[in-house]
């Protein structure tokens, strides 16, 4: 018994991976944009801007949501404003589970 994928399975897996990567990139890009806006307009985010950039924060947040290491609090609290806006813009529920499914994480 072989664990190798046949050519059709390889093609399907490649397409699924490409689609998941595109969703991941779209989530990250939108989140980065919302962070950039909040850094300039929200006092809480302005304080964070002394320690990080919107790009870095979005990269870390998207990766931690995908890996399951993000604090679930970000999907429920004021701290999650950018995540909430991103979810709304992408048409996904503002829940940890929905975000992870959107990012293509097998749960």
C-alpha atoms as a PDB file:
ATOM      1  CA  UNK A   1       0.000   0.000   0.000  1.00  0.00           C
ATOM      2  CA  UNK A   2       1.421   3.333  -1.065  1.00  0.00           C
ATOM      3  CA  UNK A   3       1.006   6.700   0.605  1.00  0.00           C
ATOM      4  CA  UNK A   4       1.830   8.483  -2.627  1.00  0.00           C
ATOM      5  CA  UNK A   5      -0.840  10.432  -4.445  1.00  0.00           C
ATOM      6  CA  UNK A   6      -1.767   9.525  -7.976  1.00  0.00           C
ATOM      7  CA  UNK A   7      -1.544  12.308 -10.575  1.00  0.00           C
ATOM      8  CA  UNK A   8      -5.226  13.281 -10.200  1.00  0.00           C
ATOM      9  CA  UNK A   9      -4.913  13.460  -6.426  1.00  0.00           C
ATOM     10  CA  UNK A  10      -1.730  15.515  -6.764  1.00  0.00           C
ATOM     11  CA  UNK A  11      -3.494  17.967  -9.068  1.00  0.00           C
ATOM     12  CA  UNK A  12      -6.485  18.245  -6.722  1.00  0.00           C
ATOM     13  CA  UNK A  13      -4.223  18.734  -3.692  1.00  0.00           C
ATOM     14  CA  UNK A  14      -2.250  21.405  -5.559  1.00  0.00           C
ATOM     15  CA  UNK A  15      -5.434  23.262  -6.488  1.00  0.00           C
ATOM     16  CA  UNK A  16      -6.709  23.079  -2.914  1.00  0.00           C
ATOM     17  CA  UNK A  17      -3.406  24.390  -1.612  1.00  0.00           C
ATOM     18  CA  UNK A  18      -3.394  27.248  -4.131  1.00  0.00           C
ATOM     19  CA  UNK A  19      -6.954  28.221  -3.166  1.00  0.00           C
ATOM     20  CA  UNK A  20      -6.113  28.122   0.543  1.00  0.00           C
ATOM     21  CA  UNK A  21      -2.981  30.227  -0.041  1.00  0.00           C
ATOM     22  CA  UNK A  22      -5.015  32.785  -1.993  1.00  0.00           C
ATOM     23  CA  UNK A  23      -7.533  33.051   0.887  1.00  0.00           C
ATOM     24  CA  UNK A  24      -4.688  33.351   3.409  1.00  0.00           C
ATOM     25  CA  UNK A  25      -3.084  36.131   1.347  1.00  0.00           C
ATOM     26  CA  UNK A  26      -6.416  37.936   0.927  1.00  0.00           C
ATOM     27  CA  UNK A  27      -7.108  37.771   4.693  1.00  0.00           C
ATOM     28  CA  UNK A  28      -3.604  39.043   5.496  1.00  0.00           C
ATOM     29  CA  UNK A  29      -3.791  41.885   2.965  1.00  0.00           C
ATOM     30  CA  UNK A  30      -7.171  43.094   4.193  1.00  0.00           C
ATOM     31  CA  UNK A  31      -6.135  42.789   7.840  1.00  0.00           C
ATOM     32  CA  UNK A  32      -2.975  44.801   7.139  1.00  0.00           C
ATOM     33  CA  UNK A  33      -5.091  47.554   5.583  1.00  0.00           C
ATOM     34  CA  UNK A  34      -7.437  47.711   8.556  1.00  0.00           C
ATOM     35  CA  UNK A  35      -4.496  47.800  10.974  1.00  0.00           C
ATOM     36  CA  UNK A  36      -2.972  50.674   8.996  1.00  0.00           C
ATOM     37  CA  UNK A  37      -6.190  52.658   9.313  1.00  0.00           C
ATOM     38  CA  UNK A  38      -6.600  51.882  12.999  1.00  0.00           C
ATOM     39  CA  UNK A  39      -2.988  52.799  13.761  1.00  0.00           C
ATOM     40  CA  UNK A  40      -3.842  56.311  12.597  1.00  0.00           C
ATOM     41  CA  UNK A  41      -7.308  56.647  14.107  1.00  0.00           C
ATOM     42  CA  UNK A  42      -7.595  54.513  17.257  1.00  0.00           C
ATOM     43  CA  UNK A  43      -5.720  55.360  20.464  1.00  0.00           C
ATOM     44  CA  UNK A  44      -5.234  51.719  21.462  1.00  0.00           C
ATOM     45  CA  UNK A  45      -3.739  50.838  18.101  1.00  0.00           C
ATOM     46  CA  UNK A  46      -1.676  54.036  18.042  1.00  0.00           C
ATOM     47  CA  UNK A  47       0.088  52.848  21.208  1.00  0.00           C
ATOM     48  CA  UNK A  48       0.881  49.531  19.545  1.00  0.00           C
ATOM     49  CA  UNK A  49       2.351  51.390  16.565  1.00  0.00           C
ATOM     50  CA  UNK A  50       5.406  52.298  18.661  1.00  0.00           C
ATOM     51  CA  UNK A  51       6.305  48.589  18.841  1.00  0.00           C
ATOM     52  CA  UNK A  52       5.224  47.145  15.484  1.00  0.00           C
ATOM     53  CA  UNK A  53       3.945  47.947  12.007  1.00  0.00           C
ATOM     54  CA  UNK A  54       0.586  47.093  10.438  1.00  0.00           C
ATOM     55  CA  UNK A  55       2.403  44.689   8.128  1.00  0.00           C
ATOM     56  CA  UNK A  56       4.164  42.854  10.953  1.00  0.00           C
ATOM     57  CA  UNK A  57       1.061  42.731  13.139  1.00  0.00           C
ATOM     58  CA  UNK A  58      -1.091  41.404  10.282  1.00  0.00           C
ATOM     59  CA  UNK A  59       1.528  38.792   9.403  1.00  0.00           C
ATOM     60  CA  UNK A  60       1.745  37.569  12.988  1.00  0.00           C
ATOM     61  CA  UNK A  61      -2.015  37.625  13.551  1.00  0.00           C
ATOM     62  CA  UNK A  62      -2.833  35.771  10.340  1.00  0.00           C
ATOM     63  CA  UNK A  63      -0.181  33.142  11.055  1.00  0.00           C
ATOM     64  CA  UNK A  64      -1.345  32.673  14.643  1.00  0.00           C
ATOM     65  CA  UNK A  65      -4.993  32.374  13.562  1.00  0.00           C
ATOM     66  CA  UNK A  66      -4.017  29.776  10.959  1.00  0.00           C
ATOM     67  CA  UNK A  67      -1.827  27.802  13.359  1.00  0.00           C
ATOM     68  CA  UNK A  68      -4.373  27.913  16.174  1.00  0.00           C
ATOM     69  CA  UNK A  69      -2.099  29.820  18.541  1.00  0.00           C
ATOM     70  CA  UNK A  70      -3.990  33.138  18.490  1.00  0.00           C
ATOM     71  CA  UNK A  71      -5.773  34.153  21.636  1.00  0.00           C
ATOM     72  CA  UNK A  72      -9.444  33.440  20.978  1.00  0.00           C
ATOM     73  CA  UNK A  73     -10.136  36.771  22.695  1.00  0.00           C
ATOM     74  CA  UNK A  74      -9.269  38.628  19.480  1.00  0.00           C
ATOM     75  CA  UNK A  75     -12.418  37.354  17.828  1.00  0.00           C
ATOM     76  CA  UNK A  76     -14.618  38.595  20.671  1.00  0.00           C
ATOM     77  CA  UNK A  77     -13.144  41.802  22.029  1.00  0.00           C
ATOM     78  CA  UNK A  78     -12.440  45.380  21.067  1.00  0.00           C
ATOM     79  CA  UNK A  79      -8.840  44.268  20.494  1.00  0.00           C
ATOM     80  CA  UNK A  80     -10.156  42.390  17.470  1.00  0.00           C
ATOM     81  CA  UNK A  81     -11.524  45.407  15.568  1.00  0.00           C
ATOM     82  CA  UNK A  82      -9.347  44.823  12.535  1.00  0.00           C
ATOM     83  CA  UNK A  83     -10.097  41.089  12.551  1.00  0.00           C
ATOM     84  CA  UNK A  84     -13.821  41.829  12.817  1.00  0.00           C
ATOM     85  CA  UNK A  85     -13.686  44.282   9.886  1.00  0.00           C
ATOM     86  CA  UNK A  86     -11.668  41.814   7.818  1.00  0.00           C
ATOM     87  CA  UNK A  87     -14.178  39.044   8.443  1.00  0.00           C
ATOM     88  CA  UNK A  88     -17.073  41.311   7.485  1.00  0.00           C
ATOM     89  CA  UNK A  89     -15.339  42.406   4.289  1.00  0.00           C
ATOM     90  CA  UNK A  90     -14.633  38.791   3.332  1.00  0.00           C
ATOM     91  CA  UNK A  91     -18.141  37.635   4.212  1.00  0.00           C
ATOM     92  CA  UNK A  92     -17.085  35.172   6.883  1.00  0.00           C
ATOM     93  CA  UNK A  93     -18.348  34.796  10.424  1.00  0.00           C
ATOM     94  CA  UNK A  94     -16.328  36.560  13.071  1.00  0.00           C
ATOM     95  CA  UNK A  95     -15.485  33.366  14.950  1.00  0.00           C
ATOM     96  CA  UNK A  96     -12.223  31.544  15.483  1.00  0.00           C
ATOM     97  CA  UNK A  97     -13.587  28.426  13.791  1.00  0.00           C
ATOM     98  CA  UNK A  98     -14.892  30.299  10.730  1.00  0.00           C
ATOM     99  CA  UNK A  99     -11.636  32.210  10.316  1.00  0.00           C
ATOM    100  CA  UNK A 100      -9.597  29.016  10.479  1.00  0.00           C
ATOM    101  CA  UNK A 101     -11.896  27.310   7.975  1.00  0.00           C
ATOM    102  CA  UNK A 102     -11.582  30.289   5.637  1.00  0.00           C
ATOM    103  CA  UNK A 103      -7.787  30.115   5.925  1.00  0.00           C
ATOM    104  CA  UNK A 104      -7.947  26.490   4.820  1.00  0.00           C
ATOM    105  CA  UNK A 105      -6.953  24.938   8.117  1.00  0.00           C
ATOM    106  CA  UNK A 106      -8.147  21.395   8.641  1.00  0.00           C
ATOM    107  CA  UNK A 107     -10.026  21.341  11.927  1.00  0.00           C
END
